[in-house]
């Protein structure tokens, strides 16, 4: 088994799911290792994403763990055997790992759901808006570091899967740059909202009873619901949340926020009015 220097988030997630299956079966790492003729350290490396696992071994483990969810096991096999090198790997060693993990998550997601309170989400930002956001970073980035982040963000914006966004009026009004940049950003949102795969809804300031003002979140759908992922911003990057209990919480939160927002047509009218005010 070749040990990886830096497992990707997807490789780590595969290991996490195998560990969960083992623990649900009531087996420890030593017992699991014996099933494959391995040792405890090798099982631990597989479960941490530090080493890969073949389809044959993965299916044997799933069988020994009494996992009867064939669709889930097949999805794990795809994760284990995919050798494709994503475009984001060009940035490895140049950008923080969290940037690569987000791009990888976007690429493999079957759907995206997002709630934005203070900023327009990165997947919909104009180049100037993104540059202004990164320019506000403390400590300040060098020119090359700034441009590298902007280029990476623009490359992430290949949205082909269903994407639902609920955005608060505050994110639409806050000027991260100047008036012209804000107008251009609102115009881009209007253009993107016409795409068949993008649904954009707005929460205006005058909405009564909106109690989720701090609940910025990104929700990426997996090939099966068990492989969904929630992304939350943390001081030094992004945190991936994937426990079933937490996933259910965030699914419910998104449904509630979506339910109180304006419908897509009224949302476009709302954004259009804001653009005309600038």
C-alpha atoms as a PDB file:
ATOM      1  CA  UNK A   1       0.000   0.000   0.000  1.00  0.00           C
ATOM      2  CA  UNK A   2       1.430   3.364  -1.040  1.00  0.00           C
ATOM      3  CA  UNK A   3       0.971   5.988   1.666  1.00  0.00           C
ATOM      4  CA  UNK A   4      -0.340   9.371   0.574  1.00  0.00           C
ATOM      5  CA  UNK A   5       1.412  12.520   1.743  1.00  0.00           C
ATOM      6  CA  UNK A   6      -1.778  14.597   1.723  1.00  0.00           C
ATOM      7  CA  UNK A   7      -5.111  12.769   1.292  1.00  0.00           C
ATOM      8  CA  UNK A   8      -7.852  14.770  -0.388  1.00  0.00           C
ATOM      9  CA  UNK A   9     -11.134  15.464   1.401  1.00  0.00           C
ATOM     10  CA  UNK A  10     -12.795  12.836  -0.803  1.00  0.00           C
ATOM     11  CA  UNK A  11     -10.223  10.210   0.162  1.00  0.00           C
ATOM     12  CA  UNK A  12     -10.610  11.093   3.819  1.00  0.00           C
ATOM     13  CA  UNK A  13     -14.415  10.836   3.531  1.00  0.00           C
ATOM     14  CA  UNK A  14     -14.125   7.328   2.069  1.00  0.00           C
ATOM     15  CA  UNK A  15     -12.054   6.280   5.065  1.00  0.00           C
ATOM     16  CA  UNK A  16     -14.529   7.868   7.468  1.00  0.00           C
ATOM     17  CA  UNK A  17     -17.413   5.934   5.919  1.00  0.00           C
ATOM     18  CA  UNK A  18     -15.490   2.638   6.149  1.00  0.00           C
ATOM     19  CA  UNK A  19     -14.750   3.324   9.811  1.00  0.00           C
ATOM     20  CA  UNK A  20     -18.429   4.066  10.449  1.00  0.00           C
ATOM     21  CA  UNK A  21     -19.412   0.778   8.821  1.00  0.00           C
ATOM     22  CA  UNK A  22     -16.873  -1.097  10.946  1.00  0.00           C
ATOM     23  CA  UNK A  23     -18.034   0.535  14.168  1.00  0.00           C
ATOM     24  CA  UNK A  24     -21.686  -0.134  13.286  1.00  0.00           C
ATOM     25  CA  UNK A  25     -20.734  -3.800  12.887  1.00  0.00           C
ATOM     26  CA  UNK A  26     -19.223  -3.796  16.374  1.00  0.00           C
ATOM     27  CA  UNK A  27     -15.693  -4.628  15.190  1.00  0.00           C
ATOM     28  CA  UNK A  28     -12.412  -3.064  16.237  1.00  0.00           C
ATOM     29  CA  UNK A  29      -9.528  -2.321  13.863  1.00  0.00           C
ATOM     30  CA  UNK A  30      -7.670  -5.530  14.768  1.00  0.00           C
ATOM     31  CA  UNK A  31     -10.711  -7.672  13.984  1.00  0.00           C
ATOM     32  CA  UNK A  32     -11.296  -5.854  10.690  1.00  0.00           C
ATOM     33  CA  UNK A  33      -7.635  -6.301   9.722  1.00  0.00           C
ATOM     34  CA  UNK A  34      -7.859 -10.053  10.209  1.00  0.00           C
ATOM     35  CA  UNK A  35     -10.738 -10.245   7.752  1.00  0.00           C
ATOM     36  CA  UNK A  36      -8.423  -8.988   4.990  1.00  0.00           C
ATOM     37  CA  UNK A  37      -5.172 -10.512   6.182  1.00  0.00           C
ATOM     38  CA  UNK A  38      -3.833  -7.080   7.128  1.00  0.00           C
ATOM     39  CA  UNK A  39      -2.682  -5.534  10.387  1.00  0.00           C
ATOM     40  CA  UNK A  40      -4.298  -2.856  12.541  1.00  0.00           C
ATOM     41  CA  UNK A  41      -1.995  -0.098  11.244  1.00  0.00           C
ATOM     42  CA  UNK A  42      -3.005  -0.828   7.639  1.00  0.00           C
ATOM     43  CA  UNK A  43      -6.705  -0.658   8.501  1.00  0.00           C
ATOM     44  CA  UNK A  44      -6.103   2.607  10.347  1.00  0.00           C
ATOM     45  CA  UNK A  45      -4.313   4.018   7.294  1.00  0.00           C
ATOM     46  CA  UNK A  46      -7.239   3.052   5.043  1.00  0.00           C
ATOM     47  CA  UNK A  47      -9.716   4.631   7.446  1.00  0.00           C
ATOM     48  CA  UNK A  48      -7.710   7.863   7.631  1.00  0.00           C
ATOM     49  CA  UNK A  49      -7.409   8.117   3.853  1.00  0.00           C
ATOM     50  CA  UNK A  50      -3.625   7.771   4.083  1.00  0.00           C
ATOM     51  CA  UNK A  51      -3.749   4.709   1.799  1.00  0.00           C
ATOM     52  CA  UNK A  52      -6.227   3.540  -0.797  1.00  0.00           C
ATOM     53  CA  UNK A  53      -8.314   0.392  -0.905  1.00  0.00           C
ATOM     54  CA  UNK A  54      -9.130  -1.796  -3.891  1.00  0.00           C
ATOM     55  CA  UNK A  55     -12.674  -2.524  -5.032  1.00  0.00           C
ATOM     56  CA  UNK A  56     -12.285  -6.183  -4.028  1.00  0.00           C
ATOM     57  CA  UNK A  57     -11.158  -5.351  -0.513  1.00  0.00           C
ATOM     58  CA  UNK A  58     -13.794  -2.670  -0.100  1.00  0.00           C
ATOM     59  CA  UNK A  59     -16.587  -5.033  -1.091  1.00  0.00           C
ATOM     60  CA  UNK A  60     -15.199  -7.720   1.211  1.00  0.00           C
ATOM     61  CA  UNK A  61     -15.181  -5.265   4.094  1.00  0.00           C
ATOM     62  CA  UNK A  62     -18.738  -4.140   3.332  1.00  0.00           C
ATOM     63  CA  UNK A  63     -19.837  -7.782   3.275  1.00  0.00           C
ATOM     64  CA  UNK A  64     -18.097  -8.551   6.578  1.00  0.00           C
ATOM     65  CA  UNK A  65     -19.650  -5.410   8.043  1.00  0.00           C
ATOM     66  CA  UNK A  66     -23.103  -6.674   6.968  1.00  0.00           C
ATOM     67  CA  UNK A  67     -23.783  -3.558   4.896  1.00  0.00           C
ATOM     68  CA  UNK A  68     -26.703  -4.385   2.609  1.00  0.00           C
ATOM     69  CA  UNK A  69     -27.056  -0.931   1.049  1.00  0.00           C
ATOM     70  CA  UNK A  70     -25.820  -1.815  -2.434  1.00  0.00           C
ATOM     71  CA  UNK A  71     -26.216   1.710  -3.794  1.00  0.00           C
ATOM     72  CA  UNK A  72     -24.083   3.090  -0.960  1.00  0.00           C
ATOM     73  CA  UNK A  73     -21.383   0.445  -1.410  1.00  0.00           C
ATOM     74  CA  UNK A  74     -21.273   1.108  -5.157  1.00  0.00           C
ATOM     75  CA  UNK A  75     -20.820   4.819  -4.445  1.00  0.00           C
ATOM     76  CA  UNK A  76     -17.915   4.015  -2.115  1.00  0.00           C
ATOM     77  CA  UNK A  77     -16.357   1.838  -4.824  1.00  0.00           C
ATOM     78  CA  UNK A  78     -16.480   4.763  -7.258  1.00  0.00           C
ATOM     79  CA  UNK A  79     -14.750   6.947  -4.668  1.00  0.00           C
ATOM     80  CA  UNK A  80     -12.086   4.302  -4.089  1.00  0.00           C
ATOM     81  CA  UNK A  81     -11.315   3.557  -7.730  1.00  0.00           C
ATOM     82  CA  UNK A  82     -11.538   7.029  -9.309  1.00  0.00           C
ATOM     83  CA  UNK A  83      -8.035   7.975 -10.465  1.00  0.00           C
ATOM     84  CA  UNK A  84      -8.978  11.174 -12.314  1.00  0.00           C
ATOM     85  CA  UNK A  85      -6.803  14.196 -11.621  1.00  0.00           C
ATOM     86  CA  UNK A  86      -8.954  17.292 -11.154  1.00  0.00           C
ATOM     87  CA  UNK A  87      -7.979  20.727 -12.417  1.00  0.00           C
ATOM     88  CA  UNK A  88      -7.630  21.922  -8.813  1.00  0.00           C
ATOM     89  CA  UNK A  89      -4.551  19.726  -8.362  1.00  0.00           C
ATOM     90  CA  UNK A  90      -2.623  22.339 -10.364  1.00  0.00           C
ATOM     91  CA  UNK A  91      -2.929  24.543  -7.283  1.00  0.00           C
ATOM     92  CA  UNK A  92      -1.634  21.993  -4.745  1.00  0.00           C
ATOM     93  CA  UNK A  93       1.238  23.529  -2.842  1.00  0.00           C
ATOM     94  CA  UNK A  94       0.244  26.986  -4.088  1.00  0.00           C
ATOM     95  CA  UNK A  95      -3.042  27.502  -2.215  1.00  0.00           C
ATOM     96  CA  UNK A  96      -4.282  26.283   1.172  1.00  0.00           C
ATOM     97  CA  UNK A  97      -5.689  22.756   1.012  1.00  0.00           C
ATOM     98  CA  UNK A  98      -9.176  24.019   1.853  1.00  0.00           C
ATOM     99  CA  UNK A  99      -9.361  25.725  -1.583  1.00  0.00           C
ATOM    100  CA  UNK A 100      -8.662  22.402  -3.297  1.00  0.00           C
ATOM    101  CA  UNK A 101     -11.108  20.531  -1.080  1.00  0.00           C
ATOM    102  CA  UNK A 102     -13.920  22.944  -1.981  1.00  0.00           C
ATOM    103  CA  UNK A 103     -13.223  22.620  -5.704  1.00  0.00           C
ATOM    104  CA  UNK A 104     -13.182  18.830  -5.400  1.00  0.00           C
ATOM    105  CA  UNK A 105     -16.469  18.869  -3.486  1.00  0.00           C
ATOM    106  CA  UNK A 106     -18.095  21.113  -6.123  1.00  0.00           C
ATOM    107  CA  UNK A 107     -16.913  18.834  -8.918  1.00  0.00           C
ATOM    108  CA  UNK A 108     -18.351  15.634  -7.474  1.00  0.00           C
ATOM    109  CA  UNK A 109     -21.547  17.109  -5.992  1.00  0.00           C
ATOM    110  CA  UNK A 110     -24.838  16.084  -7.573  1.00  0.00           C
ATOM    111  CA  UNK A 111     -26.538  19.241  -6.263  1.00  0.00           C
ATOM    112  CA  UNK A 112     -25.650  22.368  -4.317  1.00  0.00           C
ATOM    113  CA  UNK A 113     -27.723  24.295  -1.778  1.00  0.00           C
ATOM    114  CA  UNK A 114     -26.448  27.513  -0.252  1.00  0.00           C
ATOM    115  CA  UNK A 115     -27.582  30.155   2.232  1.00  0.00           C
ATOM    116  CA  UNK A 116     -25.625  33.424   2.073  1.00  0.00           C
ATOM    117  CA  UNK A 117     -26.043  36.211   4.606  1.00  0.00           C
ATOM    118  CA  UNK A 118     -23.151  38.668   4.235  1.00  0.00           C
ATOM    119  CA  UNK A 119     -21.400  37.883   0.949  1.00  0.00           C
ATOM    120  CA  UNK A 120     -22.345  36.725  -2.523  1.00  0.00           C
ATOM    121  CA  UNK A 121     -21.171  33.070  -2.690  1.00  0.00           C
ATOM    122  CA  UNK A 122     -17.889  32.388  -4.450  1.00  0.00           C
ATOM    123  CA  UNK A 123     -19.545  30.336  -7.189  1.00  0.00           C
ATOM    124  CA  UNK A 124     -21.454  33.436  -8.349  1.00  0.00           C
ATOM    125  CA  UNK A 125     -18.958  36.234  -7.737  1.00  0.00           C
ATOM    126  CA  UNK A 126     -17.611  38.499 -10.439  1.00  0.00           C
ATOM    127  CA  UNK A 127     -13.847  38.686 -10.756  1.00  0.00           C
ATOM    128  CA  UNK A 128     -13.783  42.178  -9.270  1.00  0.00           C
ATOM    129  CA  UNK A 129     -16.006  41.167  -6.343  1.00  0.00           C
ATOM    130  CA  UNK A 130     -13.776  38.157  -5.605  1.00  0.00           C
ATOM    131  CA  UNK A 131     -10.654  40.310  -5.788  1.00  0.00           C
ATOM    132  CA  UNK A 132     -12.181  42.784  -3.321  1.00  0.00           C
ATOM    133  CA  UNK A 133     -13.101  39.985  -0.897  1.00  0.00           C
ATOM    134  CA  UNK A 134      -9.598  38.521  -0.959  1.00  0.00           C
ATOM    135  CA  UNK A 135      -8.056  42.000  -0.707  1.00  0.00           C
ATOM    136  CA  UNK A 136      -9.707  42.434   2.672  1.00  0.00           C
ATOM    137  CA  UNK A 137      -7.848  39.468   4.122  1.00  0.00           C
ATOM    138  CA  UNK A 138      -5.641  40.034   7.182  1.00  0.00           C
ATOM    139  CA  UNK A 139      -2.682  39.602   6.976  1.00  0.00           C
ATOM    140  CA  UNK A 140      -2.694  41.040   3.475  1.00  0.00           C
ATOM    141  CA  UNK A 141      -1.929  38.799   0.516  1.00  0.00           C
ATOM    142  CA  UNK A 142       0.823  39.564  -1.934  1.00  0.00           C
ATOM    143  CA  UNK A 143      -0.246  40.497  -5.461  1.00  0.00           C
ATOM    144  CA  UNK A 144       0.617  37.013  -6.763  1.00  0.00           C
ATOM    145  CA  UNK A 145      -1.218  35.269  -3.923  1.00  0.00           C
ATOM    146  CA  UNK A 146      -4.280  37.447  -4.491  1.00  0.00           C
ATOM    147  CA  UNK A 147      -4.391  36.779  -8.230  1.00  0.00           C
ATOM    148  CA  UNK A 148      -3.908  33.043  -7.666  1.00  0.00           C
ATOM    149  CA  UNK A 149      -6.965  32.928  -5.394  1.00  0.00           C
ATOM    150  CA  UNK A 150      -9.041  34.933  -7.861  1.00  0.00           C
ATOM    151  CA  UNK A 151      -8.096  32.631 -10.767  1.00  0.00           C
ATOM    152  CA  UNK A 152      -8.946  29.568  -8.701  1.00  0.00           C
ATOM    153  CA  UNK A 153     -12.335  31.032  -7.731  1.00  0.00           C
ATOM    154  CA  UNK A 154     -13.197  31.845 -11.334  1.00  0.00           C
ATOM    155  CA  UNK A 155     -12.335  28.285 -12.409  1.00  0.00           C
ATOM    156  CA  UNK A 156     -14.705  26.884  -9.756  1.00  0.00           C
ATOM    157  CA  UNK A 157     -17.617  28.618 -11.447  1.00  0.00           C
ATOM    158  CA  UNK A 158     -18.514  25.807 -13.834  1.00  0.00           C
ATOM    159  CA  UNK A 159     -21.936  25.161 -12.356  1.00  0.00           C
ATOM    160  CA  UNK A 160     -23.690  22.385 -14.253  1.00  0.00           C
ATOM    161  CA  UNK A 161     -25.492  20.597 -11.425  1.00  0.00           C
ATOM    162  CA  UNK A 162     -28.702  21.930  -9.770  1.00  0.00           C
ATOM    163  CA  UNK A 163     -27.801  24.891  -7.575  1.00  0.00           C
ATOM    164  CA  UNK A 164     -30.215  26.514  -5.135  1.00  0.00           C
ATOM    165  CA  UNK A 165     -29.201  29.747  -3.441  1.00  0.00           C
ATOM    166  CA  UNK A 166     -31.017  31.716  -0.775  1.00  0.00           C
ATOM    167  CA  UNK A 167     -29.305  35.081  -0.333  1.00  0.00           C
ATOM    168  CA  UNK A 168     -30.073  37.763   2.225  1.00  0.00           C
ATOM    169  CA  UNK A 169     -30.559  41.401   1.232  1.00  0.00           C
ATOM    170  CA  UNK A 170     -27.545  42.333   3.350  1.00  0.00           C
ATOM    171  CA  UNK A 171     -25.260  40.343   1.036  1.00  0.00           C
ATOM    172  CA  UNK A 172     -26.751  42.149  -1.941  1.00  0.00           C
ATOM    173  CA  UNK A 173     -26.294  45.608  -0.424  1.00  0.00           C
ATOM    174  CA  UNK A 174     -22.857  45.367   1.209  1.00  0.00           C
ATOM    175  CA  UNK A 175     -20.321  46.997  -1.118  1.00  0.00           C
ATOM    176  CA  UNK A 176     -17.111  45.011  -0.887  1.00  0.00           C
ATOM    177  CA  UNK A 177     -15.732  47.315  -3.584  1.00  0.00           C
ATOM    178  CA  UNK A 178     -17.294  50.391  -5.242  1.00  0.00           C
ATOM    179  CA  UNK A 179     -20.730  51.208  -6.639  1.00  0.00           C
ATOM    180  CA  UNK A 180     -19.874  50.052 -10.168  1.00  0.00           C
ATOM    181  CA  UNK A 181     -18.583  46.700  -8.911  1.00  0.00           C
ATOM    182  CA  UNK A 182     -21.746  46.191  -6.858  1.00  0.00           C
ATOM    183  CA  UNK A 183     -23.923  46.947  -9.869  1.00  0.00           C
ATOM    184  CA  UNK A 184     -21.920  44.493 -11.997  1.00  0.00           C
ATOM    185  CA  UNK A 185     -22.289  41.819  -9.322  1.00  0.00           C
ATOM    186  CA  UNK A 186     -26.059  42.261  -9.141  1.00  0.00           C
ATOM    187  CA  UNK A 187     -26.244  42.128 -12.938  1.00  0.00           C
ATOM    188  CA  UNK A 188     -24.331  38.856 -12.945  1.00  0.00           C
ATOM    189  CA  UNK A 189     -26.715  37.400 -10.356  1.00  0.00           C
ATOM    190  CA  UNK A 190     -29.672  38.356 -12.550  1.00  0.00           C
ATOM    191  CA  UNK A 191     -28.073  36.720 -15.589  1.00  0.00           C
ATOM    192  CA  UNK A 192     -27.203  33.526 -13.731  1.00  0.00           C
ATOM    193  CA  UNK A 193     -30.652  33.300 -12.162  1.00  0.00           C
ATOM    194  CA  UNK A 194     -32.063  32.695 -15.657  1.00  0.00           C
ATOM    195  CA  UNK A 195     -30.089  29.460 -16.040  1.00  0.00           C
ATOM    196  CA  UNK A 196     -32.165  26.277 -15.948  1.00  0.00           C
ATOM    197  CA  UNK A 197     -30.063  24.705 -13.191  1.00  0.00           C
ATOM    198  CA  UNK A 198     -29.874  27.755 -10.891  1.00  0.00           C
ATOM    199  CA  UNK A 199     -32.645  28.793  -8.494  1.00  0.00           C
ATOM    200  CA  UNK A 200     -32.058  32.067  -6.663  1.00  0.00           C
ATOM    201  CA  UNK A 201     -34.240  33.334  -3.824  1.00  0.00           C
ATOM    202  CA  UNK A 202     -33.895  36.501  -1.750  1.00  0.00           C
ATOM    203  CA  UNK A 203     -34.647  37.201   1.905  1.00  0.00           C
ATOM    204  CA  UNK A 204     -35.415  40.928   2.292  1.00  0.00           C
ATOM    205  CA  UNK A 205     -34.717  42.925   5.450  1.00  0.00           C
ATOM    206  CA  UNK A 206     -38.419  43.459   6.116  1.00  0.00           C
ATOM    207  CA  UNK A 207     -39.162  39.746   6.395  1.00  0.00           C
ATOM    208  CA  UNK A 208     -40.853  38.976   9.723  1.00  0.00           C
ATOM    209  CA  UNK A 209     -39.635  36.122  11.887  1.00  0.00           C
ATOM    210  CA  UNK A 210     -36.334  35.382  10.177  1.00  0.00           C
ATOM    211  CA  UNK A 211     -34.330  33.786  13.001  1.00  0.00           C
ATOM    212  CA  UNK A 212     -31.539  32.176  10.965  1.00  0.00           C
ATOM    213  CA  UNK A 213     -29.474  35.339  10.428  1.00  0.00           C
ATOM    214  CA  UNK A 214     -26.172  33.612  11.266  1.00  0.00           C
ATOM    215  CA  UNK A 215     -26.796  30.419   9.342  1.00  0.00           C
ATOM    216  CA  UNK A 216     -24.577  30.813   6.308  1.00  0.00           C
ATOM    217  CA  UNK A 217     -24.088  27.316   4.902  1.00  0.00           C
ATOM    218  CA  UNK A 218     -23.219  25.323   1.804  1.00  0.00           C
ATOM    219  CA  UNK A 219     -24.763  21.895   1.283  1.00  0.00           C
ATOM    220  CA  UNK A 220     -23.347  19.532  -1.343  1.00  0.00           C
ATOM    221  CA  UNK A 221     -25.408  16.524  -2.367  1.00  0.00           C
ATOM    222  CA  UNK A 222     -23.558  13.239  -2.777  1.00  0.00           C
ATOM    223  CA  UNK A 223     -24.347  10.395  -5.158  1.00  0.00           C
ATOM    224  CA  UNK A 224     -26.357   8.957  -2.250  1.00  0.00           C
ATOM    225  CA  UNK A 225     -27.763  10.958   0.701  1.00  0.00           C
ATOM    226  CA  UNK A 226     -25.303   9.331   3.125  1.00  0.00           C
ATOM    227  CA  UNK A 227     -22.493  11.048   1.228  1.00  0.00           C
ATOM    228  CA  UNK A 228     -23.919  14.570   1.451  1.00  0.00           C
ATOM    229  CA  UNK A 229     -21.640  17.215   2.972  1.00  0.00           C
ATOM    230  CA  UNK A 230     -22.194  20.547   4.711  1.00  0.00           C
ATOM    231  CA  UNK A 231     -19.461  23.192   4.530  1.00  0.00           C
ATOM    232  CA  UNK A 232     -19.145  25.867   7.215  1.00  0.00           C
ATOM    233  CA  UNK A 233     -16.636  28.708   7.289  1.00  0.00           C
ATOM    234  CA  UNK A 234     -14.092  28.597  10.123  1.00  0.00           C
ATOM    235  CA  UNK A 235     -11.282  31.083  10.931  1.00  0.00           C
ATOM    236  CA  UNK A 236      -8.641  29.157   8.992  1.00  0.00           C
ATOM    237  CA  UNK A 237     -10.555  27.649   6.087  1.00  0.00           C
ATOM    238  CA  UNK A 238     -13.607  25.428   5.809  1.00  0.00           C
ATOM    239  CA  UNK A 239     -15.051  22.689   7.999  1.00  0.00           C
ATOM    240  CA  UNK A 240     -16.762  19.695   6.386  1.00  0.00           C
ATOM    241  CA  UNK A 241     -19.690  18.207   8.316  1.00  0.00           C
ATOM    242  CA  UNK A 242     -20.927  14.760   7.342  1.00  0.00           C
ATOM    243  CA  UNK A 243     -22.555  13.022  10.316  1.00  0.00           C
ATOM    244  CA  UNK A 244     -26.077  11.875   9.531  1.00  0.00           C
ATOM    245  CA  UNK A 245     -27.553  13.717  12.512  1.00  0.00           C
ATOM    246  CA  UNK A 246     -25.965  17.020  11.467  1.00  0.00           C
ATOM    247  CA  UNK A 247     -26.891  16.528   7.814  1.00  0.00           C
ATOM    248  CA  UNK A 248     -30.537  16.156   8.835  1.00  0.00           C
ATOM    249  CA  UNK A 249     -30.304  19.363  10.870  1.00  0.00           C
ATOM    250  CA  UNK A 250     -28.971  21.338   7.924  1.00  0.00           C
ATOM    251  CA  UNK A 251     -31.457  19.826   5.468  1.00  0.00           C
ATOM    252  CA  UNK A 252     -34.223  21.056   7.744  1.00  0.00           C
ATOM    253  CA  UNK A 253     -32.618  24.482   8.137  1.00  0.00           C
ATOM    254  CA  UNK A 254     -32.354  24.967   4.402  1.00  0.00           C
ATOM    255  CA  UNK A 255     -35.987  23.972   3.841  1.00  0.00           C
ATOM    256  CA  UNK A 256     -37.118  26.472   6.491  1.00  0.00           C
ATOM    257  CA  UNK A 257     -35.031  29.316   5.085  1.00  0.00           C
ATOM    258  CA  UNK A 258     -36.158  28.534   1.552  1.00  0.00           C
ATOM    259  CA  UNK A 259     -39.793  28.455   2.634  1.00  0.00           C
ATOM    260  CA  UNK A 260     -39.757  32.036   3.969  1.00  0.00           C
ATOM    261  CA  UNK A 261     -37.789  33.554   1.066  1.00  0.00           C
ATOM    262  CA  UNK A 262     -39.212  35.297  -1.989  1.00  0.00           C
ATOM    263  CA  UNK A 263     -39.984  33.100  -4.984  1.00  0.00           C
ATOM    264  CA  UNK A 264     -37.498  33.224  -7.909  1.00  0.00           C
ATOM    265  CA  UNK A 265     -39.495  35.729  -9.990  1.00  0.00           C
ATOM    266  CA  UNK A 266     -40.011  38.171  -7.114  1.00  0.00           C
ATOM    267  CA  UNK A 267     -36.354  37.681  -6.157  1.00  0.00           C
ATOM    268  CA  UNK A 268     -35.202  38.749  -9.626  1.00  0.00           C
ATOM    269  CA  UNK A 269     -37.453  41.798  -9.435  1.00  0.00           C
ATOM    270  CA  UNK A 270     -35.982  42.621  -6.042  1.00  0.00           C
ATOM    271  CA  UNK A 271     -32.369  42.384  -7.285  1.00  0.00           C
ATOM    272  CA  UNK A 272     -33.241  44.419 -10.364  1.00  0.00           C
ATOM    273  CA  UNK A 273     -34.594  47.219  -8.170  1.00  0.00           C
ATOM    274  CA  UNK A 274     -31.432  47.209  -6.070  1.00  0.00           C
ATOM    275  CA  UNK A 275     -29.269  47.408  -9.204  1.00  0.00           C
ATOM    276  CA  UNK A 276     -31.230  50.412 -10.461  1.00  0.00           C
ATOM    277  CA  UNK A 277     -30.654  52.190  -7.133  1.00  0.00           C
ATOM    278  CA  UNK A 278     -26.885  52.111  -7.639  1.00  0.00           C
END
